[in-house]
């Protein structure tokens, strides 16, 4: 069982670090942060992990009754909406929007929506959701959530540290959040339109 949980942790971390949508969502919230960047990733990851667990549970319950291609199309569109919203939020945040508690709830909520709708995560989870014992499924899914959450936290901490490095100019650090937010809006819009 520990090996199954470890496989889940690795799959979750790979999923978190391999998705350009994760980077685009988290970069505007991390660049230039002096402290607490890891917390942004942790909150986003907690929401994402919870959403993924709920989506996997629903997948296990309704797998035989639902056409997966239909679910995949709509899940990607909803994930696109979340990505687009995160981009708009990133642009507004740079203008000094909202208090810290509200921002934290927003980060968790966007992570939750992304976790619920992320079809690529469900594809990684599909083999374990249709095979194995209930305990094996629980260990893998729990490991997946922990791995993706820790990787998101490390990603945001890394982005913040890189953006504060002396070799990165203040001009670059200033423009990265706007560029990432704009690309997030573009990618989210494309996903909503079904272009990808």
N, C-alpha and C. Protein backbone atom coordinates (compact mmCIF):
# COMPACT_ATOMS: atom_id res chain seq x y z
N UNK A 1 0.80 -1.21 0.00
CA UNK A 1 0.00 0.00 0.00
C UNK A 1 0.85 1.28 0.00
N UNK A 2 1.94 1.32 0.77
CA UNK A 2 2.77 2.54 0.74
C UNK A 2 3.32 2.82 -0.66
N UNK A 3 3.59 1.77 -1.43
CA UNK A 3 4.09 1.97 -2.79
C UNK A 3 3.02 2.60 -3.68
N UNK A 4 1.77 2.20 -3.47
CA UNK A 4 0.65 2.79 -4.22
C UNK A 4 0.50 4.27 -3.87
N UNK A 5 0.62 4.60 -2.57
CA UNK A 5 0.53 6.00 -2.15
C UNK A 5 1.69 6.80 -2.74
N UNK A 6 2.89 6.22 -2.76
CA UNK A 6 4.06 6.89 -3.34
C UNK A 6 3.86 7.13 -4.84
N UNK A 7 3.28 6.16 -5.53
CA UNK A 7 2.97 6.34 -6.95
C UNK A 7 1.97 7.48 -7.13
N UNK A 8 1.02 7.58 -6.22
CA UNK A 8 0.05 8.67 -6.26
C UNK A 8 0.72 10.02 -6.05
N UNK A 9 1.64 10.09 -5.08
CA UNK A 9 2.37 11.34 -4.81
C UNK A 9 3.15 11.76 -6.06
N UNK A 10 3.85 10.81 -6.68
CA UNK A 10 4.60 11.12 -7.90
C UNK A 10 3.72 11.57 -9.04
N UNK A 11 2.59 10.90 -9.22
CA UNK A 11 1.65 11.29 -10.28
C UNK A 11 1.08 12.67 -10.03
N UNK A 12 0.75 12.94 -8.78
CA UNK A 12 0.21 14.26 -8.43
C UNK A 12 1.22 15.37 -8.65
N UNK A 13 2.46 15.14 -8.25
CA UNK A 13 3.51 16.14 -8.45
C UNK A 13 3.77 16.37 -9.93
N UNK A 14 3.81 15.29 -10.70
CA UNK A 14 4.01 15.42 -12.15
C UNK A 14 2.87 16.21 -12.78
N UNK A 15 1.66 15.90 -12.38
CA UNK A 15 0.50 16.63 -12.91
C UNK A 15 0.60 18.12 -12.58
N UNK A 16 0.98 18.44 -11.35
CA UNK A 16 1.05 19.84 -10.92
C UNK A 16 2.11 20.61 -11.69
N UNK A 17 3.24 19.99 -11.93
CA UNK A 17 4.36 20.70 -12.56
C UNK A 17 4.30 20.68 -14.09
N UNK A 18 3.57 19.74 -14.66
CA UNK A 18 3.55 19.60 -16.12
C UNK A 18 2.50 20.47 -16.80
N UNK A 19 1.54 20.97 -16.06
CA UNK A 19 0.45 21.74 -16.67
C UNK A 19 0.79 23.21 -16.84
N UNK A 20 0.81 23.70 -18.08
CA UNK A 20 1.07 25.14 -18.26
C UNK A 20 -0.01 26.00 -17.62
N UNK A 21 -1.21 25.46 -17.51
CA UNK A 21 -2.30 26.22 -16.88
C UNK A 21 -2.01 26.45 -15.40
N UNK A 22 -1.34 25.51 -14.75
CA UNK A 22 -0.98 25.70 -13.35
C UNK A 22 0.04 26.84 -13.22
N UNK A 23 1.04 26.81 -14.07
CA UNK A 23 2.06 27.87 -14.05
C UNK A 23 1.44 29.23 -14.33
N UNK A 24 0.57 29.28 -15.33
CA UNK A 24 -0.06 30.56 -15.68
C UNK A 24 -0.98 31.06 -14.58
N UNK A 25 -1.63 30.15 -13.87
CA UNK A 25 -2.51 30.56 -12.78
C UNK A 25 -1.73 31.06 -11.57
N UNK A 26 -0.62 30.42 -11.30
CA UNK A 26 0.12 30.71 -10.07
C UNK A 26 1.18 31.79 -10.21
N UNK A 27 1.71 31.99 -11.41
CA UNK A 27 2.77 32.98 -11.59
C UNK A 27 2.36 34.39 -11.16
N UNK A 28 1.19 34.88 -11.56
CA UNK A 28 0.83 36.24 -11.15
C UNK A 28 0.71 36.41 -9.64
N UNK A 29 0.42 35.32 -8.95
CA UNK A 29 0.25 35.40 -7.51
C UNK A 29 1.57 35.19 -6.76
N UNK A 30 2.63 34.83 -7.48
CA UNK A 30 3.89 34.48 -6.85
C UNK A 30 5.02 35.44 -7.13
N UNK A 31 5.04 36.01 -8.33
CA UNK A 31 6.16 36.84 -8.75
C UNK A 31 6.30 38.04 -7.81
N UNK A 32 7.51 38.23 -7.33
CA UNK A 32 7.82 39.38 -6.50
C UNK A 32 7.41 39.26 -5.04
N UNK A 33 6.75 38.18 -4.67
CA UNK A 33 6.34 37.99 -3.28
C UNK A 33 7.56 37.80 -2.40
N UNK A 34 7.64 38.53 -1.34
CA UNK A 34 8.75 38.43 -0.40
C UNK A 34 8.56 37.27 0.57
N UNK A 35 7.31 37.00 0.92
CA UNK A 35 7.05 35.90 1.84
C UNK A 35 5.68 35.29 1.54
N UNK A 36 5.54 34.05 1.93
CA UNK A 36 4.25 33.39 1.80
C UNK A 36 3.88 32.89 0.43
N UNK A 37 4.82 32.89 -0.53
CA UNK A 37 4.47 32.38 -1.86
C UNK A 37 4.12 30.90 -1.79
N UNK A 38 4.82 30.16 -0.94
CA UNK A 38 4.52 28.73 -0.79
C UNK A 38 3.08 28.54 -0.32
N UNK A 39 2.58 29.48 0.49
CA UNK A 39 1.22 29.39 1.01
C UNK A 39 0.19 29.53 -0.11
N UNK A 40 0.47 30.39 -1.09
CA UNK A 40 -0.43 30.53 -2.23
C UNK A 40 -0.55 29.19 -2.96
N UNK A 41 0.59 28.56 -3.21
CA UNK A 41 0.58 27.25 -3.87
C UNK A 41 -0.09 26.19 -3.03
N UNK A 42 0.12 26.27 -1.72
CA UNK A 42 -0.50 25.31 -0.82
C UNK A 42 -2.02 25.45 -0.84
N UNK A 43 -2.52 26.68 -0.77
CA UNK A 43 -3.97 26.91 -0.80
C UNK A 43 -4.56 26.47 -2.14
N UNK A 44 -3.90 26.85 -3.24
CA UNK A 44 -4.37 26.46 -4.56
C UNK A 44 -4.35 24.94 -4.68
N UNK A 45 -3.25 24.34 -4.18
CA UNK A 45 -3.12 22.89 -4.23
C UNK A 45 -4.15 22.16 -3.39
N UNK A 46 -4.48 22.72 -2.21
CA UNK A 46 -5.52 22.11 -1.37
C UNK A 46 -6.86 22.12 -2.10
N UNK A 47 -7.20 23.25 -2.69
CA UNK A 47 -8.44 23.32 -3.47
C UNK A 47 -8.41 22.35 -4.64
N UNK A 48 -7.28 22.31 -5.35
CA UNK A 48 -7.12 21.43 -6.50
C UNK A 48 -7.23 19.97 -6.07
N UNK A 49 -6.55 19.62 -4.97
CA UNK A 49 -6.59 18.24 -4.48
C UNK A 49 -7.99 17.82 -4.07
N UNK A 50 -8.69 18.70 -3.37
CA UNK A 50 -10.07 18.40 -2.97
C UNK A 50 -10.96 18.23 -4.19
N UNK A 51 -10.81 19.13 -5.16
CA UNK A 51 -11.59 19.03 -6.39
C UNK A 51 -11.30 17.74 -7.14
N UNK A 52 -10.02 17.36 -7.18
CA UNK A 52 -9.64 16.13 -7.86
C UNK A 52 -10.23 14.91 -7.16
N UNK A 53 -10.22 14.91 -5.83
CA UNK A 53 -10.80 13.79 -5.08
C UNK A 53 -12.30 13.68 -5.34
N UNK A 54 -12.99 14.82 -5.35
CA UNK A 54 -14.42 14.81 -5.63
C UNK A 54 -14.68 14.31 -7.05
N UNK A 55 -13.89 14.81 -8.01
CA UNK A 55 -14.07 14.39 -9.40
C UNK A 55 -13.80 12.90 -9.57
N UNK A 56 -12.75 12.40 -8.90
CA UNK A 56 -12.44 10.98 -8.99
C UNK A 56 -13.55 10.14 -8.36
N UNK A 57 -14.08 10.61 -7.24
CA UNK A 57 -15.20 9.90 -6.62
C UNK A 57 -16.41 9.84 -7.54
N UNK A 58 -16.72 10.97 -8.15
CA UNK A 58 -17.84 10.99 -9.10
C UNK A 58 -17.56 10.09 -10.29
N UNK A 59 -16.31 10.08 -10.74
CA UNK A 59 -15.94 9.23 -11.87
C UNK A 59 -16.15 7.76 -11.53
N UNK A 60 -15.79 7.38 -10.32
CA UNK A 60 -15.97 5.98 -9.91
C UNK A 60 -17.45 5.61 -9.83
N UNK A 61 -18.27 6.56 -9.41
CA UNK A 61 -19.69 6.28 -9.25
C UNK A 61 -20.42 6.19 -10.59
N UNK A 62 -20.11 7.10 -11.51
CA UNK A 62 -20.90 7.18 -12.74
C UNK A 62 -20.18 6.72 -14.00
N UNK A 63 -19.03 6.09 -13.84
CA UNK A 63 -18.23 5.71 -15.01
C UNK A 63 -19.00 4.89 -16.03
N UNK A 64 -19.80 3.98 -15.57
CA UNK A 64 -20.51 3.10 -16.51
C UNK A 64 -21.70 3.78 -17.19
N UNK A 65 -22.18 4.88 -16.63
CA UNK A 65 -23.40 5.50 -17.17
C UNK A 65 -23.16 6.75 -18.01
N UNK A 66 -21.92 7.26 -18.05
CA UNK A 66 -21.66 8.54 -18.71
C UNK A 66 -20.63 8.35 -19.82
N UNK A 67 -20.87 9.02 -20.91
CA UNK A 67 -19.93 9.01 -22.03
C UNK A 67 -18.77 9.95 -21.70
N UNK A 68 -17.57 9.41 -21.54
CA UNK A 68 -16.43 10.18 -21.07
C UNK A 68 -16.02 11.32 -22.01
N UNK A 69 -16.20 11.16 -23.31
CA UNK A 69 -15.82 12.22 -24.23
C UNK A 69 -16.66 13.48 -23.99
N UNK A 70 -17.93 13.31 -23.72
CA UNK A 70 -18.80 14.45 -23.41
C UNK A 70 -18.35 15.15 -22.13
N UNK A 71 -18.07 14.36 -21.10
CA UNK A 71 -17.62 14.91 -19.83
C UNK A 71 -16.30 15.66 -20.03
N UNK A 72 -15.39 15.08 -20.80
CA UNK A 72 -14.08 15.69 -21.05
C UNK A 72 -14.23 17.06 -21.72
N UNK A 73 -15.09 17.17 -22.70
CA UNK A 73 -15.28 18.44 -23.40
C UNK A 73 -15.78 19.52 -22.46
N UNK A 74 -16.79 19.22 -21.66
CA UNK A 74 -17.35 20.23 -20.77
C UNK A 74 -16.42 20.52 -19.60
N UNK A 75 -15.71 19.51 -19.12
CA UNK A 75 -14.75 19.74 -18.03
C UNK A 75 -13.65 20.69 -18.49
N UNK A 76 -13.16 20.50 -19.71
CA UNK A 76 -12.12 21.40 -20.23
C UNK A 76 -12.65 22.83 -20.38
N UNK A 77 -13.90 22.97 -20.79
CA UNK A 77 -14.47 24.31 -20.92
C UNK A 77 -14.61 24.99 -19.56
N UNK A 78 -15.03 24.24 -18.56
CA UNK A 78 -15.15 24.82 -17.22
C UNK A 78 -13.77 25.15 -16.67
N UNK A 79 -12.79 24.27 -16.91
CA UNK A 79 -11.41 24.56 -16.49
C UNK A 79 -10.90 25.80 -17.22
N UNK A 80 -11.28 25.96 -18.47
CA UNK A 80 -10.92 27.17 -19.22
C UNK A 80 -11.51 28.42 -18.59
N UNK A 81 -12.75 28.33 -18.14
CA UNK A 81 -13.38 29.46 -17.47
C UNK A 81 -12.63 29.80 -16.18
N UNK A 82 -12.24 28.77 -15.43
CA UNK A 82 -11.47 29.00 -14.20
C UNK A 82 -10.13 29.64 -14.52
N UNK A 83 -9.48 29.19 -15.57
CA UNK A 83 -8.19 29.76 -15.98
C UNK A 83 -8.36 31.21 -16.44
N UNK A 84 -9.40 31.47 -17.21
CA UNK A 84 -9.68 32.83 -17.66
C UNK A 84 -9.95 33.73 -16.45
N UNK A 85 -10.75 33.23 -15.52
CA UNK A 85 -11.05 34.01 -14.31
C UNK A 85 -9.80 34.28 -13.50
N UNK A 86 -8.92 33.29 -13.41
CA UNK A 86 -7.68 33.47 -12.66
C UNK A 86 -6.81 34.54 -13.34
N UNK A 87 -6.81 34.58 -14.66
CA UNK A 87 -6.06 35.61 -15.38
C UNK A 87 -6.60 37.00 -15.12
N UNK A 88 -7.92 37.14 -15.16
CA UNK A 88 -8.54 38.44 -14.86
C UNK A 88 -8.24 38.84 -13.43
N UNK A 89 -8.36 37.88 -12.53
CA UNK A 89 -8.08 38.14 -11.12
C UNK A 89 -6.62 38.54 -10.93
N UNK A 90 -5.71 37.87 -11.66
CA UNK A 90 -4.29 38.22 -11.58
C UNK A 90 -4.03 39.64 -12.03
N UNK A 91 -4.70 40.07 -13.10
CA UNK A 91 -4.53 41.45 -13.57
C UNK A 91 -5.08 42.44 -12.55
N UNK A 92 -6.23 42.14 -11.98
CA UNK A 92 -6.82 43.04 -10.99
C UNK A 92 -6.02 43.05 -9.70
N UNK A 93 -5.48 41.91 -9.32
CA UNK A 93 -4.70 41.81 -8.09
C UNK A 93 -3.48 42.71 -8.15
N UNK A 94 -2.90 42.81 -9.31
CA UNK A 94 -1.71 43.65 -9.46
C UNK A 94 -2.07 45.12 -9.24
N UNK A 95 -3.36 45.43 -9.36
CA UNK A 95 -3.81 46.80 -9.13
C UNK A 95 -4.19 47.02 -7.67
N UNK A 96 -3.98 46.02 -6.80
CA UNK A 96 -4.24 46.18 -5.37
C UNK A 96 -5.66 45.85 -4.97
N UNK A 97 -6.18 44.73 -5.42
CA UNK A 97 -7.56 44.35 -5.15
C UNK A 97 -7.66 43.48 -3.90
N UNK A 98 -8.59 43.78 -3.03
CA UNK A 98 -9.04 42.89 -1.97
C UNK A 98 -8.09 42.68 -0.81
N UNK A 99 -8.63 42.07 0.26
CA UNK A 99 -7.83 41.76 1.43
C UNK A 99 -7.26 40.34 1.32
N UNK A 100 -6.35 40.01 2.21
CA UNK A 100 -5.64 38.72 2.18
C UNK A 100 -6.57 37.53 2.36
N UNK A 101 -7.52 37.62 3.29
CA UNK A 101 -8.44 36.50 3.54
C UNK A 101 -9.30 36.22 2.30
N UNK A 102 -9.78 37.27 1.67
CA UNK A 102 -10.60 37.10 0.46
C UNK A 102 -9.77 36.51 -0.67
N UNK A 103 -8.53 36.96 -0.78
CA UNK A 103 -7.65 36.41 -1.81
C UNK A 103 -7.37 34.94 -1.55
N UNK A 104 -7.17 34.56 -0.29
CA UNK A 104 -6.92 33.15 0.05
C UNK A 104 -8.11 32.29 -0.32
N UNK A 105 -9.30 32.74 -0.01
CA UNK A 105 -10.51 31.98 -0.37
C UNK A 105 -10.63 31.87 -1.89
N UNK A 106 -10.29 32.93 -2.59
CA UNK A 106 -10.33 32.91 -4.05
C UNK A 106 -9.35 31.92 -4.64
N UNK A 107 -8.16 31.85 -4.07
CA UNK A 107 -7.14 30.91 -4.56
C UNK A 107 -7.61 29.47 -4.34
N UNK A 108 -8.15 29.17 -3.16
CA UNK A 108 -8.66 27.83 -2.88
C UNK A 108 -9.81 27.50 -3.84
N UNK A 109 -10.71 28.45 -4.05
CA UNK A 109 -11.87 28.22 -4.93
C UNK A 109 -11.44 27.94 -6.36
N UNK A 110 -10.49 28.70 -6.87
CA UNK A 110 -10.03 28.46 -8.24
C UNK A 110 -9.34 27.11 -8.34
N UNK A 111 -8.53 26.76 -7.34
CA UNK A 111 -7.91 25.44 -7.31
C UNK A 111 -8.96 24.33 -7.28
N UNK A 112 -10.02 24.54 -6.50
CA UNK A 112 -11.10 23.56 -6.40
C UNK A 112 -11.78 23.36 -7.75
N UNK A 113 -12.13 24.45 -8.40
CA UNK A 113 -12.78 24.35 -9.72
C UNK A 113 -11.85 23.66 -10.71
N UNK A 114 -10.58 24.03 -10.67
CA UNK A 114 -9.63 23.42 -11.59
C UNK A 114 -9.49 21.92 -11.31
N UNK A 115 -9.43 21.55 -10.03
CA UNK A 115 -9.33 20.14 -9.68
C UNK A 115 -10.57 19.35 -10.07
N UNK A 116 -11.74 19.97 -9.92
CA UNK A 116 -12.99 19.31 -10.30
C UNK A 116 -13.10 19.08 -11.79
N UNK A 117 -12.53 19.98 -12.56
CA UNK A 117 -12.75 19.96 -14.01
C UNK A 117 -11.54 19.53 -14.81
N UNK A 118 -10.42 19.32 -14.18
CA UNK A 118 -9.20 18.99 -14.91
C UNK A 118 -9.23 17.59 -15.49
N UNK A 119 -9.50 17.48 -16.74
CA UNK A 119 -9.61 16.18 -17.40
C UNK A 119 -8.27 15.45 -17.42
N UNK A 120 -7.17 16.17 -17.50
CA UNK A 120 -5.87 15.49 -17.53
C UNK A 120 -5.60 14.77 -16.22
N UNK A 121 -6.02 15.35 -15.10
CA UNK A 121 -5.86 14.66 -13.81
C UNK A 121 -6.72 13.42 -13.77
N UNK A 122 -7.93 13.52 -14.31
CA UNK A 122 -8.81 12.35 -14.31
C UNK A 122 -8.24 11.22 -15.17
N UNK A 123 -7.55 11.57 -16.25
CA UNK A 123 -6.92 10.54 -17.07
C UNK A 123 -5.82 9.83 -16.30
N UNK A 124 -5.07 10.58 -15.48
CA UNK A 124 -4.05 9.95 -14.63
C UNK A 124 -4.69 9.07 -13.56
N UNK A 125 -5.88 9.45 -13.11
CA UNK A 125 -6.55 8.72 -12.05
C UNK A 125 -7.40 7.56 -12.56
N UNK A 126 -7.71 7.56 -13.85
CA UNK A 126 -8.63 6.57 -14.41
C UNK A 126 -8.24 5.13 -14.10
N UNK A 127 -6.98 4.73 -14.30
CA UNK A 127 -6.66 3.31 -14.03
C UNK A 127 -6.96 2.88 -12.59
N UNK A 128 -6.65 3.72 -11.63
CA UNK A 128 -6.88 3.33 -10.23
C UNK A 128 -8.36 3.41 -9.86
N UNK A 129 -9.11 4.28 -10.53
CA UNK A 129 -10.53 4.39 -10.19
C UNK A 129 -11.35 3.22 -10.69
N UNK A 130 -10.84 2.49 -11.66
CA UNK A 130 -11.60 1.36 -12.21
C UNK A 130 -11.01 0.01 -11.81
N UNK A 131 -9.92 0.01 -11.07
CA UNK A 131 -9.31 -1.25 -10.66
C UNK A 131 -8.83 -1.13 -9.22
N UNK A 132 -8.44 -2.23 -8.68
CA UNK A 132 -7.89 -2.22 -7.32
C UNK A 132 -8.98 -2.21 -6.27
N UNK A 133 -8.52 -2.40 -5.05
CA UNK A 133 -9.44 -2.40 -3.91
C UNK A 133 -9.75 -0.97 -3.50
N UNK A 134 -10.73 -0.82 -2.66
CA UNK A 134 -11.07 0.50 -2.15
C UNK A 134 -9.90 1.13 -1.40
N UNK A 135 -9.16 0.33 -0.65
CA UNK A 135 -7.99 0.84 0.09
C UNK A 135 -6.91 1.31 -0.88
N UNK A 136 -6.66 0.54 -1.93
CA UNK A 136 -5.65 0.95 -2.92
C UNK A 136 -6.07 2.25 -3.61
N UNK A 137 -7.33 2.36 -3.94
CA UNK A 137 -7.82 3.59 -4.56
C UNK A 137 -7.65 4.77 -3.62
N UNK A 138 -7.98 4.58 -2.36
CA UNK A 138 -7.86 5.66 -1.36
C UNK A 138 -6.40 6.08 -1.19
N UNK A 139 -5.48 5.12 -1.11
CA UNK A 139 -4.07 5.44 -0.96
C UNK A 139 -3.54 6.20 -2.17
N UNK A 140 -3.89 5.76 -3.36
CA UNK A 140 -3.41 6.43 -4.57
C UNK A 140 -3.98 7.84 -4.68
N UNK A 141 -5.29 7.97 -4.48
CA UNK A 141 -5.93 9.28 -4.60
C UNK A 141 -5.44 10.24 -3.52
N UNK A 142 -5.27 9.75 -2.32
CA UNK A 142 -4.70 10.59 -1.25
C UNK A 142 -3.29 11.02 -1.58
N UNK A 143 -2.49 10.08 -2.06
CA UNK A 143 -1.12 10.41 -2.47
C UNK A 143 -1.10 11.42 -3.61
N UNK A 144 -1.99 11.26 -4.56
CA UNK A 144 -2.08 12.19 -5.69
C UNK A 144 -2.35 13.60 -5.19
N UNK A 145 -3.31 13.73 -4.29
CA UNK A 145 -3.66 15.06 -3.76
C UNK A 145 -2.51 15.67 -2.98
N UNK A 146 -1.85 14.87 -2.15
CA UNK A 146 -0.70 15.37 -1.38
C UNK A 146 0.43 15.78 -2.32
N UNK A 147 0.73 14.94 -3.30
CA UNK A 147 1.82 15.24 -4.24
C UNK A 147 1.56 16.50 -5.05
N UNK A 148 0.33 16.66 -5.54
CA UNK A 148 0.04 17.85 -6.34
C UNK A 148 0.05 19.10 -5.46
N UNK A 149 -0.42 19.00 -4.24
CA UNK A 149 -0.44 20.16 -3.34
C UNK A 149 0.98 20.60 -2.99
N UNK A 150 1.83 19.64 -2.63
CA UNK A 150 3.22 19.98 -2.28
C UNK A 150 3.98 20.54 -3.49
N UNK A 151 3.71 19.99 -4.67
CA UNK A 151 4.38 20.49 -5.87
C UNK A 151 3.91 21.90 -6.22
N UNK A 152 2.63 22.19 -6.03
CA UNK A 152 2.12 23.55 -6.27
C UNK A 152 2.77 24.53 -5.31
N UNK A 153 2.91 24.12 -4.07
CA UNK A 153 3.54 24.98 -3.06
C UNK A 153 5.00 25.24 -3.42
N UNK A 154 5.70 24.19 -3.82
CA UNK A 154 7.11 24.35 -4.23
C UNK A 154 7.22 25.21 -5.48
N UNK A 155 6.29 25.05 -6.41
CA UNK A 155 6.30 25.84 -7.64
C UNK A 155 6.16 27.33 -7.34
N UNK A 156 5.20 27.68 -6.49
CA UNK A 156 5.02 29.11 -6.19
C UNK A 156 6.20 29.67 -5.41
N UNK A 157 6.76 28.87 -4.51
CA UNK A 157 7.94 29.33 -3.78
C UNK A 157 9.11 29.53 -4.74
N UNK A 158 9.27 28.63 -5.69
CA UNK A 158 10.33 28.75 -6.69
C UNK A 158 10.16 29.96 -7.60
N UNK A 159 8.93 30.19 -8.03
CA UNK A 159 8.65 31.36 -8.88
C UNK A 159 8.99 32.64 -8.13
N UNK A 160 8.56 32.72 -6.87
CA UNK A 160 8.81 33.92 -6.06
C UNK A 160 10.31 34.12 -5.85
N UNK A 161 11.02 33.04 -5.53
CA UNK A 161 12.47 33.15 -5.29
C UNK A 161 13.19 33.57 -6.57
N UNK A 162 12.81 32.98 -7.70
CA UNK A 162 13.44 33.34 -8.97
C UNK A 162 13.19 34.81 -9.31
N UNK A 163 11.97 35.25 -9.06
CA UNK A 163 11.63 36.63 -9.43
C UNK A 163 12.33 37.65 -8.53
N UNK A 164 12.76 37.24 -7.36
CA UNK A 164 13.47 38.14 -6.46
C UNK A 164 14.98 38.10 -6.65
N UNK A 165 15.47 37.16 -7.46
CA UNK A 165 16.91 37.01 -7.66
C UNK A 165 17.49 38.29 -8.26
N UNK A 166 18.71 38.59 -7.89
CA UNK A 166 19.36 39.82 -8.35
C UNK A 166 19.54 39.84 -9.86
N UNK A 167 19.68 38.68 -10.46
CA UNK A 167 19.91 38.64 -11.91
C UNK A 167 18.63 38.87 -12.71
N UNK A 168 17.49 38.82 -12.04
CA UNK A 168 16.21 39.09 -12.72
C UNK A 168 15.89 40.56 -12.49
N UNK A 169 15.78 41.28 -13.56
CA UNK A 169 15.55 42.72 -13.43
C UNK A 169 14.15 43.00 -12.88
N UNK A 170 14.02 44.12 -12.25
CA UNK A 170 12.72 44.55 -11.71
C UNK A 170 11.71 44.70 -12.84
N UNK A 171 12.19 45.10 -14.01
CA UNK A 171 11.30 45.27 -15.16
C UNK A 171 10.68 43.93 -15.57
N UNK A 172 11.51 42.87 -15.59
CA UNK A 172 11.00 41.54 -15.94
C UNK A 172 10.00 41.08 -14.89
N UNK A 173 10.36 41.25 -13.61
CA UNK A 173 9.48 40.82 -12.52
C UNK A 173 8.15 41.58 -12.54
N UNK A 174 8.17 42.81 -13.02
CA UNK A 174 6.95 43.61 -13.10
C UNK A 174 6.05 43.13 -14.23
N UNK A 175 6.65 42.72 -15.35
CA UNK A 175 5.86 42.34 -16.53
C UNK A 175 5.39 40.89 -16.51
N UNK A 176 6.10 40.01 -15.80
CA UNK A 176 5.73 38.59 -15.81
C UNK A 176 4.29 38.36 -15.33
N UNK A 177 3.85 38.96 -14.22
CA UNK A 177 2.46 38.72 -13.81
C UNK A 177 1.44 39.15 -14.86
N UNK A 178 1.67 40.29 -15.50
CA UNK A 178 0.73 40.74 -16.54
C UNK A 178 0.73 39.78 -17.73
N UNK A 179 1.92 39.36 -18.14
CA UNK A 179 2.03 38.44 -19.27
C UNK A 179 1.37 37.10 -18.93
N UNK A 180 1.68 36.57 -17.73
CA UNK A 180 1.10 35.29 -17.32
C UNK A 180 -0.42 35.39 -17.21
N UNK A 181 -0.92 36.48 -16.65
CA UNK A 181 -2.37 36.67 -16.53
C UNK A 181 -3.01 36.77 -17.90
N UNK A 182 -2.37 37.49 -18.82
CA UNK A 182 -2.90 37.63 -20.17
C UNK A 182 -2.91 36.28 -20.89
N UNK A 183 -1.80 35.52 -20.77
CA UNK A 183 -1.75 34.20 -21.39
C UNK A 183 -2.78 33.26 -20.76
N UNK A 184 -3.02 33.42 -19.46
CA UNK A 184 -4.03 32.63 -18.78
C UNK A 184 -5.41 32.91 -19.37
N UNK A 185 -5.69 34.17 -19.63
CA UNK A 185 -6.96 34.56 -20.25
C UNK A 185 -7.08 33.97 -21.64
N UNK A 186 -6.00 34.05 -22.42
CA UNK A 186 -6.01 33.52 -23.79
C UNK A 186 -6.20 32.00 -23.78
N UNK A 187 -5.42 31.29 -22.95
CA UNK A 187 -5.54 29.84 -22.89
C UNK A 187 -6.91 29.42 -22.36
N UNK A 188 -7.39 30.12 -21.33
CA UNK A 188 -8.73 29.82 -20.80
C UNK A 188 -9.81 30.04 -21.84
N UNK A 189 -9.70 31.14 -22.59
CA UNK A 189 -10.66 31.40 -23.65
C UNK A 189 -10.63 30.33 -24.73
N UNK A 190 -9.42 29.88 -25.09
CA UNK A 190 -9.29 28.83 -26.10
C UNK A 190 -9.90 27.53 -25.60
N UNK A 191 -9.66 27.19 -24.33
CA UNK A 191 -10.26 25.97 -23.78
C UNK A 191 -11.77 26.07 -23.76
N UNK A 192 -12.28 27.25 -23.42
CA UNK A 192 -13.74 27.41 -23.39
C UNK A 192 -14.34 27.25 -24.79
N UNK A 193 -13.60 27.73 -25.78
CA UNK A 193 -14.08 27.63 -27.15
C UNK A 193 -13.90 26.22 -27.71
N UNK A 194 -13.13 25.39 -27.00
CA UNK A 194 -12.91 24.03 -27.46
C UNK A 194 -11.84 23.91 -28.52
N UNK A 195 -10.92 24.90 -28.56
CA UNK A 195 -9.89 24.89 -29.59
C UNK A 195 -8.77 23.91 -29.30
N UNK A 196 -8.58 23.55 -28.05
CA UNK A 196 -7.46 22.66 -27.71
C UNK A 196 -7.94 21.28 -27.39
